[in-house]
Amino acid sequence: MSEQLQWVLVVVGLGIVVALAMLIRHQLRQQREQKQAQQELLEDLQQQAEKQRDHLVESIRVISLAMQDEQCELAEGCIRLKVLLDHLAPYLHEHEDFSVINEMFEATKHMPILEEWKKLKIKRRFELTAEREALEQKYKLQILAAAEKLAKYRFQQ
């Protein structure tokens, strides 16, 4: 092999090495940028989840206090609290201090709301209202105790 050919092969080899090094550097930079973007996305999602959690906790406190101050009917409060607890702390449905909320929800879930309520005949509305009021009276002390405890409850992070 001639000396000139050897130099050409050395130069070509060096060119290939430089090209591969540049490719590796580019790939590493791209990988680092992707990792940083994923980290930023994860942090954003964590912040959103924390804001959602804080909103749920605050909503539970507001409804609990409204029930205690008689600004919210007990049945309606239980329905709202049940849904909020489903998203935040479903394990509390089984807790003896708060199980009455789920009981009240189950006892009233057959009752129509909003537009469906408006479609009912007056007689049926009176029947359902009497049923709801009887349930509220039956569980009143338990519901108010649960609302008081929920208003002060420290939800797990």
C-alpha atoms as a PDB file:
ATOM      1  CA  MET A   1       0.000   0.000   0.000  1.00  0.00           C
ATOM      2  CA  SER A   2       1.356   3.386  -0.904  1.00  0.00           C
ATOM      3  CA  GLU A   3       2.107   6.040   1.632  1.00  0.00           C
ATOM      4  CA  GLN A   4      -0.366   8.398   0.001  1.00  0.00           C
ATOM      5  CA  LEU A   5      -3.180   5.829   0.305  1.00  0.00           C
ATOM      6  CA  GLN A   6      -2.303   5.283   3.946  1.00  0.00           C
ATOM      7  CA  TRP A   7      -2.624   9.019   4.626  1.00  0.00           C
ATOM      8  CA  VAL A   8      -5.959   9.127   2.828  1.00  0.00           C
ATOM      9  CA  LEU A   9      -7.201   6.220   4.951  1.00  0.00           C
ATOM     10  CA  VAL A  10      -5.926   7.906   8.133  1.00  0.00           C
ATOM     11  CA  VAL A  11      -7.714  11.143   7.198  1.00  0.00           C
ATOM     12  CA  VAL A  12     -10.901   9.256   6.318  1.00  0.00           C
ATOM     13  CA  GLY A  13     -10.668   7.317   9.593  1.00  0.00           C
ATOM     14  CA  LEU A  14     -10.160  10.541  11.550  1.00  0.00           C
ATOM     15  CA  GLY A  15     -13.111  12.064   9.715  1.00  0.00           C
ATOM     16  CA  ILE A  16     -15.267   9.107  10.674  1.00  0.00           C
ATOM     17  CA  VAL A  17     -14.122   9.335  14.317  1.00  0.00           C
ATOM     18  CA  VAL A  18     -14.866  13.088  14.405  1.00  0.00           C
ATOM     19  CA  ALA A  19     -18.271  12.537  12.779  1.00  0.00           C
ATOM     20  CA  LEU A  20     -19.139   9.786  15.273  1.00  0.00           C
ATOM     21  CA  ALA A  21     -17.981  11.952  18.185  1.00  0.00           C
ATOM     22  CA  MET A  22     -20.187  14.802  16.943  1.00  0.00           C
ATOM     23  CA  LEU A  23     -23.123  12.398  16.538  1.00  0.00           C
ATOM     24  CA  ILE A  24     -22.616  11.055  20.062  1.00  0.00           C
ATOM     25  CA  ARG A  25     -22.396  14.602  21.441  1.00  0.00           C
ATOM     26  CA  HIS A  26     -25.602  15.558  19.607  1.00  0.00           C
ATOM     27  CA  GLN A  27     -27.400  12.458  20.889  1.00  0.00           C
ATOM     28  CA  LEU A  28     -26.289  13.138  24.479  1.00  0.00           C
ATOM     29  CA  ARG A  29     -27.431  16.756  24.261  1.00  0.00           C
ATOM     30  CA  GLN A  30     -30.782  15.652  22.842  1.00  0.00           C
ATOM     31  CA  GLN A  31     -31.157  13.043  25.581  1.00  0.00           C
ATOM     32  CA  ARG A  32     -30.322  15.629  28.275  1.00  0.00           C
ATOM     33  CA  GLU A  33     -32.887  18.076  26.832  1.00  0.00           C
ATOM     34  CA  GLN A  34     -35.550  15.364  26.743  1.00  0.00           C
ATOM     35  CA  LYS A  35     -34.810  14.423  30.329  1.00  0.00           C
ATOM     36  CA  GLN A  36     -35.047  18.076  31.393  1.00  0.00           C
ATOM     37  CA  ALA A  37     -38.347  18.500  29.522  1.00  0.00           C
ATOM     38  CA  GLN A  38     -39.733  15.369  31.181  1.00  0.00           C
ATOM     39  CA  GLN A  39     -38.621  16.655  34.591  1.00  0.00           C
ATOM     40  CA  GLU A  40     -40.320  20.007  33.965  1.00  0.00           C
ATOM     41  CA  LEU A  41     -43.498  18.240  32.844  1.00  0.00           C
ATOM     42  CA  LEU A  42     -43.435  16.039  35.929  1.00  0.00           C
ATOM     43  CA  GLU A  43     -43.020  19.091  38.169  1.00  0.00           C
ATOM     44  CA  ASP A  44     -45.926  20.833  36.406  1.00  0.00           C
ATOM     45  CA  LEU A  45     -48.125  17.768  36.832  1.00  0.00           C
ATOM     46  CA  GLN A  46     -47.186  17.539  40.499  1.00  0.00           C
ATOM     47  CA  GLN A  47     -48.081  21.204  40.988  1.00  0.00           C
ATOM     48  CA  GLN A  48     -51.414  20.706  39.238  1.00  0.00           C
ATOM     49  CA  ALA A  49     -52.150  17.645  41.360  1.00  0.00           C
ATOM     50  CA  GLU A  50     -51.286  19.570  44.513  1.00  0.00           C
ATOM     51  CA  LYS A  51     -53.532  22.469  43.471  1.00  0.00           C
ATOM     52  CA  GLN A  52     -56.364  20.011  42.742  1.00  0.00           C
ATOM     53  CA  ARG A  53     -55.832  18.329  46.083  1.00  0.00           C
ATOM     54  CA  ASP A  54     -55.830  21.684  47.888  1.00  0.00           C
ATOM     55  CA  HIS A  55     -59.034  22.635  46.076  1.00  0.00           C
ATOM     56  CA  LEU A  56     -60.696  19.379  47.132  1.00  0.00           C
ATOM     57  CA  VAL A  57     -59.619  19.847  50.751  1.00  0.00           C
ATOM     58  CA  GLU A  58     -60.884  23.434  50.778  1.00  0.00           C
ATOM     59  CA  SER A  59     -64.199  22.395  49.193  1.00  0.00           C
ATOM     60  CA  ILE A  60     -64.669  19.701  51.822  1.00  0.00           C
ATOM     61  CA  ARG A  61     -64.005  22.229  54.585  1.00  0.00           C
ATOM     62  CA  VAL A  62     -66.377  24.815  53.120  1.00  0.00           C
ATOM     63  CA  ILE A  63     -69.211  22.306  52.688  1.00  0.00           C
ATOM     64  CA  SER A  64     -68.636  20.848  56.154  1.00  0.00           C
ATOM     65  CA  LEU A  65     -68.787  24.293  57.729  1.00  0.00           C
ATOM     66  CA  ALA A  66     -71.853  25.233  55.679  1.00  0.00           C
ATOM     67  CA  MET A  67     -73.621  22.103  56.935  1.00  0.00           C
ATOM     68  CA  GLN A  68     -72.764  22.991  60.527  1.00  0.00           C
ATOM     69  CA  ASP A  69     -74.042  26.550  60.024  1.00  0.00           C
ATOM     70  CA  GLU A  70     -77.242  25.214  58.395  1.00  0.00           C
ATOM     71  CA  GLN A  71     -76.399  26.975  55.132  1.00  0.00           C
ATOM     72  CA  CYS A  72     -76.499  23.660  53.281  1.00  0.00           C
ATOM     73  CA  GLU A  73     -79.041  20.865  53.615  1.00  0.00           C
ATOM     74  CA  LEU A  74     -77.538  17.803  55.215  1.00  0.00           C
ATOM     75  CA  ALA A  75     -78.471  15.457  52.375  1.00  0.00           C
ATOM     76  CA  GLU A  76     -77.036  17.788  49.742  1.00  0.00           C
ATOM     77  CA  GLY A  77     -73.889  18.245  51.814  1.00  0.00           C
ATOM     78  CA  CYS A  78     -73.468  14.493  52.158  1.00  0.00           C
ATOM     79  CA  ILE A  79     -73.860  14.007  48.420  1.00  0.00           C
ATOM     80  CA  ARG A  80     -71.257  16.679  47.688  1.00  0.00           C
ATOM     81  CA  LEU A  81     -68.869  15.417  50.366  1.00  0.00           C
ATOM     82  CA  LYS A  82     -69.179  11.825  49.127  1.00  0.00           C
ATOM     83  CA  VAL A  83     -68.158  12.847  45.613  1.00  0.00           C
ATOM     84  CA  LEU A  84     -65.250  14.961  46.876  1.00  0.00           C
ATOM     85  CA  LEU A  85     -64.051  12.191  49.179  1.00  0.00           C
ATOM     86  CA  ASP A  86     -64.236   9.720  46.271  1.00  0.00           C
ATOM     87  CA  HIS A  87     -61.523  11.796  44.585  1.00  0.00           C
ATOM     88  CA  LEU A  88     -59.455  12.728  47.615  1.00  0.00           C
ATOM     89  CA  ALA A  89     -59.730  10.060  50.284  1.00  0.00           C
ATOM     90  CA  PRO A  90     -62.059   7.153  49.424  1.00  0.00           C
ATOM     91  CA  TYR A  91     -60.703   5.220  52.408  1.00  0.00           C
ATOM     92  CA  LEU A  92     -62.689   7.588  54.647  1.00  0.00           C
ATOM     93  CA  HIS A  93     -65.982   6.080  53.448  1.00  0.00           C
ATOM     94  CA  GLU A  94     -65.194   3.099  55.667  1.00  0.00           C
ATOM     95  CA  HIS A  95     -64.039   5.198  58.639  1.00  0.00           C
ATOM     96  CA  GLU A  96     -66.603   4.982  61.445  1.00  0.00           C
ATOM     97  CA  ASP A  97     -66.633   8.758  61.956  1.00  0.00           C
ATOM     98  CA  PHE A  98     -67.487   9.445  58.308  1.00  0.00           C
ATOM     99  CA  SER A  99     -69.412   6.386  57.121  1.00  0.00           C
ATOM    100  CA  VAL A 100     -72.702   8.228  57.703  1.00  0.00           C
ATOM    101  CA  ILE A 101     -71.891  10.412  54.687  1.00  0.00           C
ATOM    102  CA  ASN A 102     -71.813   7.372  52.444  1.00  0.00           C
ATOM    103  CA  GLU A 103     -74.933   5.957  54.119  1.00  0.00           C
ATOM    104  CA  MET A 104     -76.821   9.183  53.460  1.00  0.00           C
ATOM    105  CA  PHE A 105     -75.585   9.267  49.881  1.00  0.00           C
ATOM    106  CA  GLU A 106     -76.759   5.700  49.285  1.00  0.00           C
ATOM    107  CA  ALA A 107     -80.132   6.427  50.916  1.00  0.00           C
ATOM    108  CA  THR A 108     -80.763   9.459  48.679  1.00  0.00           C
ATOM    109  CA  LYS A 109     -79.100   8.544  45.386  1.00  0.00           C
ATOM    110  CA  HIS A 110     -82.419   7.429  43.887  1.00  0.00           C
ATOM    111  CA  MET A 111     -83.795  10.955  44.267  1.00  0.00           C
ATOM    112  CA  PRO A 112     -83.683  13.006  41.073  1.00  0.00           C
ATOM    113  CA  ILE A 113     -81.912  16.358  40.971  1.00  0.00           C
ATOM    114  CA  LEU A 114     -81.933  19.517  38.864  1.00  0.00           C
ATOM    115  CA  GLU A 115     -84.007  19.133  35.682  1.00  0.00           C
ATOM    116  CA  GLU A 116     -85.215  15.665  36.637  1.00  0.00           C
ATOM    117  CA  TRP A 117     -86.535  17.088  39.938  1.00  0.00           C
ATOM    118  CA  LYS A 118     -88.422  19.807  38.056  1.00  0.00           C
ATOM    119  CA  LYS A 119     -90.086  17.189  35.877  1.00  0.00           C
ATOM    120  CA  LEU A 120     -91.605  15.417  38.896  1.00  0.00           C
ATOM    121  CA  LYS A 121     -95.208  15.894  39.840  1.00  0.00           C
ATOM    122  CA  ILE A 122     -95.784  17.963  42.973  1.00  0.00           C
ATOM    123  CA  LYS A 123     -97.059  14.967  44.938  1.00  0.00           C
ATOM    124  CA  ARG A 124     -93.883  12.986  44.182  1.00  0.00           C
ATOM    125  CA  ARG A 125     -91.717  15.968  45.146  1.00  0.00           C
ATOM    126  CA  PHE A 126     -93.486  16.167  48.505  1.00  0.00           C
ATOM    127  CA  GLU A 127     -92.991  12.438  49.058  1.00  0.00           C
ATOM    128  CA  LEU A 128     -89.284  12.603  48.264  1.00  0.00           C
ATOM    129  CA  THR A 129     -88.845  15.763  50.319  1.00  0.00           C
ATOM    130  CA  ALA A 130     -90.488  14.072  53.300  1.00  0.00           C
ATOM    131  CA  GLU A 131     -88.266  11.013  52.818  1.00  0.00           C
ATOM    132  CA  ARG A 132     -85.141  13.187  52.619  1.00  0.00           C
ATOM    133  CA  GLU A 133     -86.112  15.235  55.670  1.00  0.00           C
ATOM    134  CA  ALA A 134     -86.781  12.044  57.658  1.00  0.00           C
ATOM    135  CA  LEU A 135     -83.335  10.742  56.717  1.00  0.00           C
ATOM    136  CA  GLU A 136     -81.748  14.054  57.647  1.00  0.00           C
ATOM    137  CA  GLN A 137     -83.486  14.000  61.003  1.00  0.00           C
ATOM    138  CA  LYS A 138     -82.501  10.377  61.628  1.00  0.00           C
ATOM    139  CA  TYR A 139     -78.810  10.977  60.893  1.00  0.00           C
ATOM    140  CA  LYS A 140     -78.565  14.646  61.898  1.00  0.00           C
ATOM    141  CA  LEU A 141     -76.302  14.266  64.915  1.00  0.00           C
ATOM    142  CA  GLN A 142     -73.998  11.782  63.160  1.00  0.00           C
ATOM    143  CA  ILE A 143     -73.803  13.965  60.049  1.00  0.00           C
ATOM    144  CA  LEU A 144     -73.026  17.117  62.008  1.00  0.00           C
ATOM    145  CA  ALA A 145     -70.366  15.279  64.007  1.00  0.00           C
ATOM    146  CA  ALA A 146     -68.832  13.975  60.772  1.00  0.00           C
ATOM    147  CA  ALA A 147     -68.959  17.461  59.229  1.00  0.00           C
ATOM    148  CA  GLU A 148     -67.235  18.942  62.262  1.00  0.00           C
ATOM    149  CA  LYS A 149     -64.471  16.320  62.124  1.00  0.00           C
ATOM    150  CA  LEU A 150     -64.075  16.698  58.351  1.00  0.00           C
ATOM    151  CA  ALA A 151     -63.696  20.449  58.662  1.00  0.00           C
ATOM    152  CA  LYS A 152     -60.673  19.865  60.911  1.00  0.00           C
ATOM    153  CA  TYR A 153     -59.384  16.654  59.310  1.00  0.00           C
ATOM    154  CA  ARG A 154     -55.738  16.562  58.230  1.00  0.00           C
ATOM    155  CA  PHE A 155     -55.763  14.785  54.875  1.00  0.00           C
ATOM    156  CA  GLN A 156     -52.714  12.682  54.056  1.00  0.00           C
ATOM    157  CA  GLN A 157     -50.338  14.015  51.434  1.00  0.00           C
END
